[in-house]
């Protein structure tokens, strides 16, 4: 009985995380000019700071903040490199 509850809980967590990643990646757009998540858009030229860890990067201006979760994407390593290149070489 206890194992069934544990398996059910783990399945729920797995489904929740999967849905979060799907919706998170659907709402995020990265172009040569900007990064956008939902209604927030930050031009690369406006970025004042960024902070990254193993799972995400926080891109900030004075008024806005966008969190991009790398592993919500098919090619997380490529996405990390793309973002870092935009942050170090703004156009």
Protein backbone atom coordinates (compact mmCIF):
# COMPACT_ATOMS: atom_id res chain seq x y z
CA UNK A 1 0.00 0.00 0.00
CA UNK A 2 2.73 2.45 0.99
CA UNK A 3 4.72 1.63 -2.16
CA UNK A 4 1.67 2.35 -4.35
CA UNK A 5 1.33 5.77 -2.74
CA UNK A 6 5.03 6.44 -3.25
CA UNK A 7 4.88 5.37 -6.92
CA UNK A 8 1.78 7.52 -7.45
CA UNK A 9 3.50 10.52 -5.91
CA UNK A 10 6.62 10.02 -8.04
CA UNK A 11 4.48 9.70 -11.18
CA UNK A 12 2.67 12.93 -10.27
CA UNK A 13 5.98 14.77 -9.78
CA UNK A 14 7.31 13.41 -13.08
CA UNK A 15 4.22 14.53 -14.98
CA UNK A 16 4.30 17.95 -13.32
CA UNK A 17 7.97 18.51 -14.20
CA UNK A 18 7.40 17.36 -17.79
CA UNK A 19 4.43 19.70 -18.27
CA UNK A 20 6.36 22.57 -16.71
CA UNK A 21 9.23 22.07 -19.16
CA UNK A 22 6.89 21.84 -22.15
CA UNK A 23 5.03 25.05 -21.30
CA UNK A 24 8.22 26.82 -20.25
CA UNK A 25 9.96 26.12 -23.55
CA UNK A 26 6.82 27.03 -25.53
CA UNK A 27 6.67 30.46 -23.88
CA UNK A 28 10.36 31.30 -24.36
CA UNK A 29 11.82 32.75 -27.54
CA UNK A 30 15.45 33.64 -28.19
CA UNK A 31 16.42 35.63 -31.28
CA UNK A 32 19.39 37.69 -32.43
CA UNK A 33 17.72 40.79 -30.98
CA UNK A 34 15.99 39.68 -27.80
CA UNK A 35 14.98 37.01 -25.31
CA UNK A 36 11.27 36.73 -24.61
CA UNK A 37 9.27 34.74 -22.10
CA UNK A 38 5.54 35.19 -22.07
CA UNK A 39 4.88 38.94 -22.15
CA UNK A 40 8.37 39.92 -20.98
CA UNK A 41 10.88 40.85 -23.65
CA UNK A 42 14.47 41.91 -23.04
CA UNK A 43 16.63 43.27 -25.83
CA UNK A 44 20.20 41.96 -25.65
CA UNK A 45 21.44 45.55 -25.66
CA UNK A 46 19.41 46.26 -22.48
CA UNK A 47 20.82 43.39 -20.39
CA UNK A 48 22.45 44.68 -17.21
CA UNK A 49 23.25 41.36 -15.53
CA UNK A 50 22.99 37.61 -15.83
CA UNK A 51 23.42 34.81 -13.35
CA UNK A 52 23.56 31.15 -14.29
CA UNK A 53 23.65 27.78 -12.58
CA UNK A 54 23.54 24.21 -13.85
CA UNK A 55 19.83 24.36 -14.75
CA UNK A 56 18.96 27.92 -15.72
CA UNK A 57 20.10 31.45 -16.39
CA UNK A 58 18.51 34.65 -15.10
CA UNK A 59 18.78 37.52 -17.57
CA UNK A 60 18.00 40.94 -16.09
CA UNK A 61 17.56 44.59 -16.88
CA UNK A 62 16.77 47.27 -14.33
CA UNK A 63 13.03 46.54 -14.55
CA UNK A 64 12.67 43.02 -15.96
CA UNK A 65 13.92 39.53 -15.29
CA UNK A 66 13.64 36.37 -17.39
CA UNK A 67 14.61 32.88 -16.29
CA UNK A 68 15.54 30.46 -19.07
CA UNK A 69 15.57 26.81 -18.01
CA UNK A 70 18.12 25.08 -20.23
CA UNK A 71 16.88 21.52 -19.89
CA UNK A 72 13.42 22.38 -21.17
CA UNK A 73 14.98 22.35 -24.65
CA UNK A 74 16.14 19.65 -27.04
CA UNK A 75 19.72 20.97 -27.21
CA UNK A 76 20.50 22.54 -23.81
CA UNK A 77 24.25 22.82 -24.43
CA UNK A 78 23.70 24.70 -27.70
CA UNK A 79 21.19 26.99 -25.99
CA UNK A 80 23.67 27.75 -23.20
CA UNK A 81 26.35 28.64 -25.76
CA UNK A 82 23.93 30.79 -27.77
CA UNK A 83 22.85 32.79 -24.72
CA UNK A 84 26.42 33.22 -23.47
CA UNK A 85 27.53 34.48 -26.90
CA UNK A 86 24.68 37.02 -26.92
CA UNK A 87 25.57 38.20 -23.42
CA UNK A 88 29.27 38.63 -24.13
CA UNK A 89 28.90 40.05 -27.66
CA UNK A 90 25.77 42.21 -27.77
CA UNK A 91 24.92 43.46 -31.25
